[in-house]
Amino acid sequence: EVLGCTVKMHAGDGSMVEARKVLLE
């Protein structure tokens, strides 16, 4: 965001996630 991009989060910090799950776009 500081660099001028738009970010969409698909997971929250502290959550258990599987391999290759998209976390940020």
PDB file of all heavy atoms in Angstrom:
ATOM      1  N   GLU A   1       0.830  -1.207   0.000  1.00  0.00           N
ATOM      2  CA  GLU A   1       0.000   0.000   0.000  1.00  0.00           C
ATOM      3  C   GLU A   1       0.865   1.258   0.000  1.00  0.00           C
ATOM      4  O   GLU A   1       0.558   2.234  -0.695  1.00  0.00           O
ATOM      5  CB  GLU A   1      -0.944  -0.016   1.202  1.00  0.00           C
ATOM      6  CG  GLU A   1      -2.061  -1.047   1.082  1.00  0.00           C
ATOM      7  CD  GLU A   1      -2.824  -1.255   2.375  1.00  0.00           C
ATOM      8  OE1 GLU A   1      -2.397  -0.725   3.424  1.00  0.00           O
ATOM      9  OE2 GLU A   1      -3.844  -1.966   2.333  1.00  0.00           O
ATOM     10  N   VAL A   2       1.947   1.246   0.777  1.00  0.00           N
ATOM     11  CA  VAL A   2       2.870   2.378   0.798  1.00  0.00           C
ATOM     12  C   VAL A   2       3.436   2.633  -0.598  1.00  0.00           C
ATOM     13  O   VAL A   2       3.676   3.778  -0.999  1.00  0.00           O
ATOM     14  CB  VAL A   2       4.012   2.123   1.811  1.00  0.00           C
ATOM     15  CG1 VAL A   2       5.174   3.094   1.594  1.00  0.00           C
ATOM     16  CG2 VAL A   2       3.494   2.243   3.236  1.00  0.00           C
ATOM     17  N   LEU A   3       3.610   1.555  -1.357  1.00  0.00           N
ATOM     18  CA  LEU A   3       4.177   1.659  -2.698  1.00  0.00           C
ATOM     19  C   LEU A   3       3.116   1.944  -3.768  1.00  0.00           C
ATOM     20  O   LEU A   3       3.422   1.954  -4.961  1.00  0.00           O
ATOM     21  CB  LEU A   3       4.927   0.370  -3.040  1.00  0.00           C
ATOM     22  CG  LEU A   3       6.197   0.118  -2.214  1.00  0.00           C
ATOM     23  CD1 LEU A   3       6.710  -1.296  -2.442  1.00  0.00           C
ATOM     24  CD2 LEU A   3       7.269   1.141  -2.561  1.00  0.00           C
ATOM     25  N   GLY A   4       1.880   2.180  -3.348  1.00  0.00           N
ATOM     26  CA  GLY A   4       0.843   2.577  -4.284  1.00  0.00           C
ATOM     27  C   GLY A   4       0.017   1.453  -4.870  1.00  0.00           C
ATOM     28  O   GLY A   4      -0.653   1.639  -5.894  1.00  0.00           O
ATOM     29  N   CYS A   5       0.012   0.300  -4.250  1.00  0.00           N
ATOM     30  CA  CYS A   5      -0.747  -0.848  -4.755  1.00  0.00           C
ATOM     31  C   CYS A   5      -2.053  -1.022  -3.983  1.00  0.00           C
ATOM     32  O   CYS A   5      -2.225  -0.479  -2.890  1.00  0.00           O
ATOM     33  CB  CYS A   5       0.083  -2.123  -4.635  1.00  0.00           C
ATOM     34  SG  CYS A   5       1.632  -2.081  -5.565  1.00  0.00           S
ATOM     35  N   THR A   6      -2.950  -1.808  -4.546  1.00  0.00           N
ATOM     36  CA  THR A   6      -4.195  -2.187  -3.891  1.00  0.00           C
ATOM     37  C   THR A   6      -4.074  -3.628  -3.420  1.00  0.00           C
ATOM     38  O   THR A   6      -3.629  -4.496  -4.177  1.00  0.00           O
ATOM     39  CB  THR A   6      -5.381  -2.067  -4.862  1.00  0.00           C
ATOM     40  OG1 THR A   6      -5.473  -0.710  -5.316  1.00  0.00           O
ATOM     41  CG2 THR A   6      -6.683  -2.461  -4.174  1.00  0.00           C
ATOM     42  N   VAL A   7      -4.474  -3.885  -2.177  1.00  0.00           N
ATOM     43  CA  VAL A   7      -4.287  -5.205  -1.585  1.00  0.00           C
ATOM     44  C   VAL A   7      -5.619  -5.769  -1.118  1.00  0.00           C
ATOM     45  O   VAL A   7      -6.440  -5.067  -0.531  1.00  0.00           O
ATOM     46  CB  VAL A   7      -3.321  -5.137  -0.375  1.00  0.00           C
ATOM     47  CG1 VAL A   7      -3.123  -6.521   0.223  1.00  0.00           C
ATOM     48  CG2 VAL A   7      -1.984  -4.538  -0.782  1.00  0.00           C
ATOM     49  N   LYS A   8      -5.831  -7.046  -1.395  1.00  0.00           N
ATOM     50  CA  LYS A   8      -6.989  -7.778  -0.896  1.00  0.00           C
ATOM     51  C   LYS A   8      -6.489  -8.962  -0.076  1.00  0.00           C
ATOM     52  O   LYS A   8      -5.729  -9.788  -0.573  1.00  0.00           O
ATOM     53  CB  LYS A   8      -7.859  -8.269  -2.049  1.00  0.00           C
ATOM     54  CG  LYS A   8      -9.142  -8.963  -1.601  1.00  0.00           C
ATOM     55  CD  LYS A   8     -10.004  -9.353  -2.791  1.00  0.00           C
ATOM     56  CE  LYS A   8     -11.312 -10.006  -2.344  1.00  0.00           C
ATOM     57  NZ  LYS A   8     -12.145 -10.388  -3.515  1.00  0.00           N
ATOM     58  N   MET A   9      -6.914  -9.023   1.189  1.00  0.00           N
ATOM     59  CA  MET A   9      -6.469 -10.091   2.086  1.00  0.00           C
ATOM     60  C   MET A   9      -7.474 -11.241   2.067  1.00  0.00           C
ATOM     61  O   MET A   9      -8.679 -11.015   2.114  1.00  0.00           O
ATOM     62  CB  MET A   9      -6.279  -9.572   3.503  1.00  0.00           C
ATOM     63  CG  MET A   9      -5.206  -8.499   3.627  1.00  0.00           C
ATOM     64  SD  MET A   9      -4.905  -7.980   5.342  1.00  0.00           S
ATOM     65  CE  MET A   9      -4.200  -9.476   6.041  1.00  0.00           C
ATOM     66  N   HIS A  10      -6.965 -12.466   2.005  1.00  0.00           N
ATOM     67  CA  HIS A  10      -7.815 -13.650   1.977  1.00  0.00           C
ATOM     68  C   HIS A  10      -7.652 -14.509   3.237  1.00  0.00           C
ATOM     69  O   HIS A  10      -8.276 -15.571   3.340  1.00  0.00           O
ATOM     70  CB  HIS A  10      -7.501 -14.496   0.745  1.00  0.00           C
ATOM     71  CG  HIS A  10      -7.889 -13.838  -0.540  1.00  0.00           C
ATOM     72  ND1 HIS A  10      -9.177 -13.826  -1.017  1.00  0.00           N
ATOM     73  CD2 HIS A  10      -7.154 -13.131  -1.429  1.00  0.00           C
ATOM     74  CE1 HIS A  10      -9.233 -13.167  -2.160  1.00  0.00           C
ATOM     75  NE2 HIS A  10      -8.019 -12.731  -2.435  1.00  0.00           N
ATOM     76  N   ALA A  11      -6.819 -14.081   4.156  1.00  0.00           N
ATOM     77  CA  ALA A  11      -6.631 -14.803   5.426  1.00  0.00           C
ATOM     78  C   ALA A  11      -6.170 -13.804   6.468  1.00  0.00           C
ATOM     79  O   ALA A  11      -5.595 -12.760   6.133  1.00  0.00           O
ATOM     80  CB  ALA A  11      -5.610 -15.929   5.274  1.00  0.00           C
ATOM     81  N   GLY A  12      -6.433 -14.115   7.710  1.00  0.00           N
ATOM     82  CA  GLY A  12      -6.029 -13.243   8.791  1.00  0.00           C
ATOM     83  C   GLY A  12      -4.801 -13.769   9.503  1.00  0.00           C
ATOM     84  O   GLY A  12      -4.573 -14.982   9.564  1.00  0.00           O
ATOM     85  N   ASP A  13      -3.997 -12.861  10.033  1.00  0.00           N
ATOM     86  CA  ASP A  13      -2.859 -13.279  10.837  1.00  0.00           C
ATOM     87  C   ASP A  13      -3.346 -14.096  12.025  1.00  0.00           C
ATOM     88  O   ASP A  13      -4.342 -13.762  12.664  1.00  0.00           O
ATOM     89  CB  ASP A  13      -2.081 -12.053  11.336  1.00  0.00           C
ATOM     90  CG  ASP A  13      -1.257 -11.405  10.243  1.00  0.00           C
ATOM     91  OD1 ASP A  13      -0.715 -12.136   9.400  1.00  0.00           O
ATOM     92  OD2 ASP A  13      -1.142 -10.165  10.239  1.00  0.00           O
ATOM     93  N   GLY A  14      -2.643 -15.173  12.300  1.00  0.00           N
ATOM     94  CA  GLY A  14      -3.024 -16.060  13.397  1.00  0.00           C
ATOM     95  C   GLY A  14      -3.841 -17.257  12.959  1.00  0.00           C
ATOM     96  O   GLY A  14      -4.101 -18.152  13.769  1.00  0.00           O
ATOM     97  N   SER A  15      -4.245 -17.294  11.688  1.00  0.00           N
ATOM     98  CA  SER A  15      -5.024 -18.428  11.196  1.00  0.00           C
ATOM     99  C   SER A  15      -4.111 -19.512  10.641  1.00  0.00           C
ATOM    100  O   SER A  15      -3.056 -19.226  10.087  1.00  0.00           O
ATOM    101  CB  SER A  15      -6.008 -17.964  10.116  1.00  0.00           C
ATOM    102  OG  SER A  15      -5.318 -17.385   9.016  1.00  0.00           O
ATOM    103  N   MET A  16      -4.527 -20.755  10.792  1.00  0.00           N
ATOM    104  CA  MET A  16      -3.794 -21.878  10.211  1.00  0.00           C
ATOM    105  C   MET A  16      -4.164 -21.973   8.743  1.00  0.00           C
ATOM    106  O   MET A  16      -5.344 -21.988   8.399  1.00  0.00           O
ATOM    107  CB  MET A  16      -4.148 -23.177  10.931  1.00  0.00           C
ATOM    108  CG  MET A  16      -3.460 -24.409  10.352  1.00  0.00           C
ATOM    109  SD  MET A  16      -1.647 -24.374  10.506  1.00  0.00           S
ATOM    110  CE  MET A  16      -1.491 -24.667  12.278  1.00  0.00           C
ATOM    111  N   VAL A  17      -3.166 -22.010   7.865  1.00  0.00           N
ATOM    112  CA  VAL A  17      -3.438 -22.024   6.431  1.00  0.00           C
ATOM    113  C   VAL A  17      -2.715 -23.197   5.778  1.00  0.00           C
ATOM    114  O   VAL A  17      -1.655 -23.636   6.233  1.00  0.00           O
ATOM    115  CB  VAL A  17      -3.015 -20.700   5.761  1.00  0.00           C
ATOM    116  CG1 VAL A  17      -3.845 -19.545   6.298  1.00  0.00           C
ATOM    117  CG2 VAL A  17      -1.534 -20.424   5.961  1.00  0.00           C
ATOM    118  N   GLU A  18      -3.300 -23.666   4.699  1.00  0.00           N
ATOM    119  CA  GLU A  18      -2.715 -24.774   3.948  1.00  0.00           C
ATOM    120  C   GLU A  18      -1.719 -24.254   2.916  1.00  0.00           C
ATOM    121  O   GLU A  18      -1.728 -23.079   2.552  1.00  0.00           O
ATOM    122  CB  GLU A  18      -3.819 -25.574   3.254  1.00  0.00           C
ATOM    123  CG  GLU A  18      -4.792 -26.246   4.205  1.00  0.00           C
ATOM    124  CD  GLU A  18      -4.088 -27.205   5.150  1.00  0.00           C
ATOM    125  OE1 GLU A  18      -3.185 -27.944   4.692  1.00  0.00           O
ATOM    126  OE2 GLU A  18      -4.432 -27.217   6.345  1.00  0.00           O
ATOM    127  N   ALA A  19      -0.888 -25.149   2.442  1.00  0.00           N
ATOM    128  CA  ALA A  19       0.066 -24.794   1.396  1.00  0.00           C
ATOM    129  C   ALA A  19      -0.664 -24.326   0.150  1.00  0.00           C
ATOM    130  O   ALA A  19      -1.701 -24.886  -0.222  1.00  0.00           O
ATOM    131  CB  ALA A  19       0.949 -26.001   1.069  1.00  0.00           C
ATOM    132  N   ARG A  20      -0.137 -23.276  -0.463  1.00  0.00           N
ATOM    133  CA  ARG A  20      -0.590 -22.710  -1.727  1.00  0.00           C
ATOM    134  C   ARG A  20      -1.934 -21.997  -1.636  1.00  0.00           C
ATOM    135  O   ARG A  20      -2.474 -21.560  -2.655  1.00  0.00           O
ATOM    136  CB  ARG A  20      -0.616 -23.766  -2.844  1.00  0.00           C
ATOM    137  CG  ARG A  20       0.724 -24.447  -3.082  1.00  0.00           C
ATOM    138  CD  ARG A  20       0.759 -25.197  -4.389  1.00  0.00           C
ATOM    139  NE  ARG A  20       0.717 -24.255  -5.528  1.00  0.00           N
ATOM    140  CZ  ARG A  20       1.779 -23.628  -6.037  1.00  0.00           C
ATOM    141  NH1 ARG A  20       2.981 -23.822  -5.506  1.00  0.00           N
ATOM    142  NH2 ARG A  20       1.643 -22.819  -7.069  1.00  0.00           N
ATOM    143  N   LYS A  21      -2.482 -21.838  -0.447  1.00  0.00           N
ATOM    144  CA  LYS A  21      -3.686 -21.019  -0.296  1.00  0.00           C
ATOM    145  C   LYS A  21      -3.306 -19.560  -0.506  1.00  0.00           C
ATOM    146  O   LYS A  21      -2.366 -19.062   0.110  1.00  0.00           O
ATOM    147  CB  LYS A  21      -4.302 -21.193   1.089  1.00  0.00           C
ATOM    148  CG  LYS A  21      -5.450 -20.222   1.376  1.00  0.00           C
ATOM    149  CD  LYS A  21      -5.993 -20.392   2.783  1.00  0.00           C
ATOM    150  CE  LYS A  21      -6.939 -19.260   3.156  1.00  0.00           C
ATOM    151  NZ  LYS A  21      -8.104 -19.163   2.259  1.00  0.00           N
ATOM    152  N   VAL A  22      -4.043 -18.870  -1.382  1.00  0.00           N
ATOM    153  CA  VAL A  22      -3.756 -17.457  -1.637  1.00  0.00           C
ATOM    154  C   VAL A  22      -4.102 -16.642  -0.394  1.00  0.00           C
ATOM    155  O   VAL A  22      -5.241 -16.683   0.096  1.00  0.00           O
ATOM    156  CB  VAL A  22      -4.543 -16.940  -2.856  1.00  0.00           C
ATOM    157  CG1 VAL A  22      -4.336 -15.438  -3.020  1.00  0.00           C
ATOM    158  CG2 VAL A  22      -4.097 -17.670  -4.119  1.00  0.00           C
ATOM    159  N   LEU A  23      -3.129 -15.902   0.100  1.00  0.00           N
ATOM    160  CA  LEU A  23      -3.302 -15.119   1.316  1.00  0.00           C
ATOM    161  C   LEU A  23      -3.497 -13.639   1.019  1.00  0.00           C
ATOM    162  O   LEU A  23      -4.249 -12.954   1.704  1.00  0.00           O
ATOM    163  CB  LEU A  23      -2.093 -15.306   2.238  1.00  0.00           C
ATOM    164  CG  LEU A  23      -1.731 -16.759   2.555  1.00  0.00           C
ATOM    165  CD1 LEU A  23      -0.472 -16.820   3.395  1.00  0.00           C
ATOM    166  CD2 LEU A  23      -2.890 -17.461   3.254  1.00  0.00           C
ATOM    167  N   LEU A  24      -2.783 -13.156   0.016  1.00  0.00           N
ATOM    168  CA  LEU A  24      -2.905 -11.764  -0.412  1.00  0.00           C
ATOM    169  C   LEU A  24      -2.982 -11.705  -1.927  1.00  0.00           C
ATOM    170  O   LEU A  24      -2.289 -12.466  -2.614  1.00  0.00           O
ATOM    171  CB  LEU A  24      -1.680 -10.931   0.022  1.00  0.00           C
ATOM    172  CG  LEU A  24      -1.401 -10.647   1.490  1.00  0.00           C
ATOM    173  CD1 LEU A  24      -0.148  -9.787   1.611  1.00  0.00           C
ATOM    174  CD2 LEU A  24      -2.576  -9.947   2.146  1.00  0.00           C
ATOM    175  N   GLU A  25      -3.806 -10.801  -2.433  1.00  0.00           N
ATOM    176  CA  GLU A  25      -3.789 -10.435  -3.841  1.00  0.00           C
ATOM    177  C   GLU A  25      -3.401  -8.964  -3.924  1.00  0.00           C
ATOM    178  O   GLU A  25      -3.976  -8.131  -3.206  1.00  0.00           O
ATOM    179  CB  GLU A  25      -5.160 -10.629  -4.480  1.00  0.00           C
ATOM    180  CG  GLU A  25      -5.513 -12.062  -4.815  1.00  0.00           C
ATOM    181  CD  GLU A  25      -6.834 -12.152  -5.555  1.00  0.00           C
ATOM    182  OE1 GLU A  25      -7.873 -11.896  -4.925  1.00  0.00           O
ATOM    183  OE2 GLU A  25      -6.809 -12.462  -6.759  1.00  0.00           O
TER     184      GLU A  25
END
